[in-house]
Amino acid sequence: MLTPSKTFHQPSLFETDLLLQLDPTDPLLKLSTVIPWHVFDGALSIHYTEGIGSPSKPIRLMVGLLILKQLESLSDIWTIHQ
């Protein structure tokens, strides 16, 4: 069962916009604004069946972790557990 991806950013954390707390010059933050997340949602959502199995993690989270893993040369275990 597919869990839908959230909006572009988390609107609040402790009553403050989370995006305002991040460094706008951070390369990963800049990269996240140019990735066409909706394309990944459309392409990968066909592999999920409604009502079968446990809810998935959002596609944006899975793709984002894979991109981070590749860019930083991280292991699977480090990416998931850190």
C-alpha atoms as a PDB file:
ATOM      1  CA  MET A   1       0.000   0.000   0.000  1.00  0.00           C
ATOM      2  CA  LEU A   2       1.495   3.314  -1.119  1.00  0.00           C
ATOM      3  CA  THR A   3       1.971   6.119   1.384  1.00  0.00           C
ATOM      4  CA  PRO A   4       1.756   9.433  -0.496  1.00  0.00           C
ATOM      5  CA  SER A   5       4.716  11.803  -0.508  1.00  0.00           C
ATOM      6  CA  LYS A   6       4.396  14.960   1.543  1.00  0.00           C
ATOM      7  CA  THR A   7       4.544  18.489   0.211  1.00  0.00           C
ATOM      8  CA  PHE A   8       7.832  20.213  -0.642  1.00  0.00           C
ATOM      9  CA  HIS A   9       8.804  20.898   2.949  1.00  0.00           C
ATOM     10  CA  GLN A  10       7.588  20.336   6.465  1.00  0.00           C
ATOM     11  CA  PRO A  11       5.520  23.411   7.321  1.00  0.00           C
ATOM     12  CA  SER A  12       6.213  23.525  11.041  1.00  0.00           C
ATOM     13  CA  LEU A  13       8.282  22.073  13.829  1.00  0.00           C
ATOM     14  CA  PHE A  14       7.642  23.591  17.225  1.00  0.00           C
ATOM     15  CA  GLU A  15       5.592  26.378  15.583  1.00  0.00           C
ATOM     16  CA  THR A  16       8.445  27.466  13.258  1.00  0.00           C
ATOM     17  CA  ASP A  17       8.711  26.796   9.529  1.00  0.00           C
ATOM     18  CA  LEU A  18      11.351  24.085   9.229  1.00  0.00           C
ATOM     19  CA  LEU A  19      12.630  25.421   5.898  1.00  0.00           C
ATOM     20  CA  LEU A  20      13.512  28.727   7.590  1.00  0.00           C
ATOM     21  CA  GLN A  21      15.766  26.854  10.022  1.00  0.00           C
ATOM     22  CA  LEU A  22      17.886  25.321   7.248  1.00  0.00           C
ATOM     23  CA  ASP A  23      20.858  26.888   5.466  1.00  0.00           C
ATOM     24  CA  PRO A  24      19.606  28.017   2.023  1.00  0.00           C
ATOM     25  CA  THR A  25      23.129  27.642   0.592  1.00  0.00           C
ATOM     26  CA  ASP A  26      23.354  23.944   1.520  1.00  0.00           C
ATOM     27  CA  PRO A  27      23.940  21.942  -1.691  1.00  0.00           C
ATOM     28  CA  LEU A  28      21.527  19.164  -0.696  1.00  0.00           C
ATOM     29  CA  LEU A  29      18.756  21.669   0.018  1.00  0.00           C
ATOM     30  CA  LYS A  30      19.358  23.304  -3.366  1.00  0.00           C
ATOM     31  CA  LEU A  31      19.302  19.889  -5.046  1.00  0.00           C
ATOM     32  CA  SER A  32      15.987  19.010  -3.408  1.00  0.00           C
ATOM     33  CA  THR A  33      14.346  22.037  -5.022  1.00  0.00           C
ATOM     34  CA  VAL A  34      15.264  21.026  -8.584  1.00  0.00           C
ATOM     35  CA  ILE A  35      14.480  17.301  -8.433  1.00  0.00           C
ATOM     36  CA  PRO A  36      11.129  16.553 -10.138  1.00  0.00           C
ATOM     37  CA  TRP A  37       9.714  14.505  -7.241  1.00  0.00           C
ATOM     38  CA  HIS A  38       6.340  14.077  -8.961  1.00  0.00           C
ATOM     39  CA  VAL A  39       8.049  12.154 -11.784  1.00  0.00           C
ATOM     40  CA  PHE A  40       9.373   9.590  -9.298  1.00  0.00           C
ATOM     41  CA  ASP A  41       5.949   9.352  -7.637  1.00  0.00           C
ATOM     42  CA  GLY A  42       4.282   8.678 -10.977  1.00  0.00           C
ATOM     43  CA  ALA A  43       6.877   6.215 -12.225  1.00  0.00           C
ATOM     44  CA  LEU A  44       7.197   4.165  -9.046  1.00  0.00           C
ATOM     45  CA  SER A  45       3.632   4.236  -7.718  1.00  0.00           C
ATOM     46  CA  ILE A  46       2.555   1.659 -10.324  1.00  0.00           C
ATOM     47  CA  HIS A  47       4.486  -0.950  -8.325  1.00  0.00           C
ATOM     48  CA  TYR A  48       2.122  -0.635  -5.349  1.00  0.00           C
ATOM     49  CA  THR A  49      -1.271  -2.277  -4.933  1.00  0.00           C
ATOM     50  CA  GLU A  50      -4.012  -0.554  -2.956  1.00  0.00           C
ATOM     51  CA  GLY A  51      -5.014  -2.358   0.212  1.00  0.00           C
ATOM     52  CA  ILE A  52      -2.329  -5.041   0.125  1.00  0.00           C
ATOM     53  CA  GLY A  53       0.464  -5.165   2.665  1.00  0.00           C
ATOM     54  CA  SER A  54       1.693  -2.682   5.196  1.00  0.00           C
ATOM     55  CA  PRO A  55       1.838   1.019   4.358  1.00  0.00           C
ATOM     56  CA  SER A  56       5.042   1.921   2.526  1.00  0.00           C
ATOM     57  CA  LYS A  57       7.408   4.756   3.170  1.00  0.00           C
ATOM     58  CA  PRO A  58       6.810   7.723   0.831  1.00  0.00           C
ATOM     59  CA  ILE A  59       8.547   7.417  -2.545  1.00  0.00           C
ATOM     60  CA  ARG A  60      10.196  10.814  -2.064  1.00  0.00           C
ATOM     61  CA  LEU A  61      11.826   9.557   1.152  1.00  0.00           C
ATOM     62  CA  MET A  62      13.112   6.378  -0.507  1.00  0.00           C
ATOM     63  CA  VAL A  63      14.460   8.200  -3.580  1.00  0.00           C
ATOM     64  CA  GLY A  64      15.966  10.946  -1.408  1.00  0.00           C
ATOM     65  CA  LEU A  65      17.789   8.404   0.748  1.00  0.00           C
ATOM     66  CA  LEU A  66      19.100   6.623  -2.346  1.00  0.00           C
ATOM     67  CA  ILE A  67      20.389   9.925  -3.782  1.00  0.00           C
ATOM     68  CA  LEU A  68      22.028  10.825  -0.451  1.00  0.00           C
ATOM     69  CA  LYS A  69      23.584   7.349  -0.214  1.00  0.00           C
ATOM     70  CA  GLN A  70      25.096   7.652  -3.689  1.00  0.00           C
ATOM     71  CA  LEU A  71      26.295  11.253  -3.342  1.00  0.00           C
ATOM     72  CA  GLU A  72      27.974  10.642   0.014  1.00  0.00           C
ATOM     73  CA  SER A  73      29.206   7.071  -0.751  1.00  0.00           C
ATOM     74  CA  LEU A  74      27.380   5.700   2.283  1.00  0.00           C
ATOM     75  CA  SER A  75      26.565   2.095   3.089  1.00  0.00           C
ATOM     76  CA  ASP A  76      22.973   0.888   3.259  1.00  0.00           C
ATOM     77  CA  ILE A  77      23.249   0.376   7.011  1.00  0.00           C
ATOM     78  CA  TRP A  78      24.724   3.827   7.692  1.00  0.00           C
ATOM     79  CA  THR A  79      22.097   5.530   5.520  1.00  0.00           C
ATOM     80  CA  ILE A  80      19.194   3.881   7.321  1.00  0.00           C
ATOM     81  CA  HIS A  81      20.478   3.883  10.899  1.00  0.00           C
ATOM     82  CA  GLN A  82      22.138   7.286  11.113  1.00  0.00           C
END
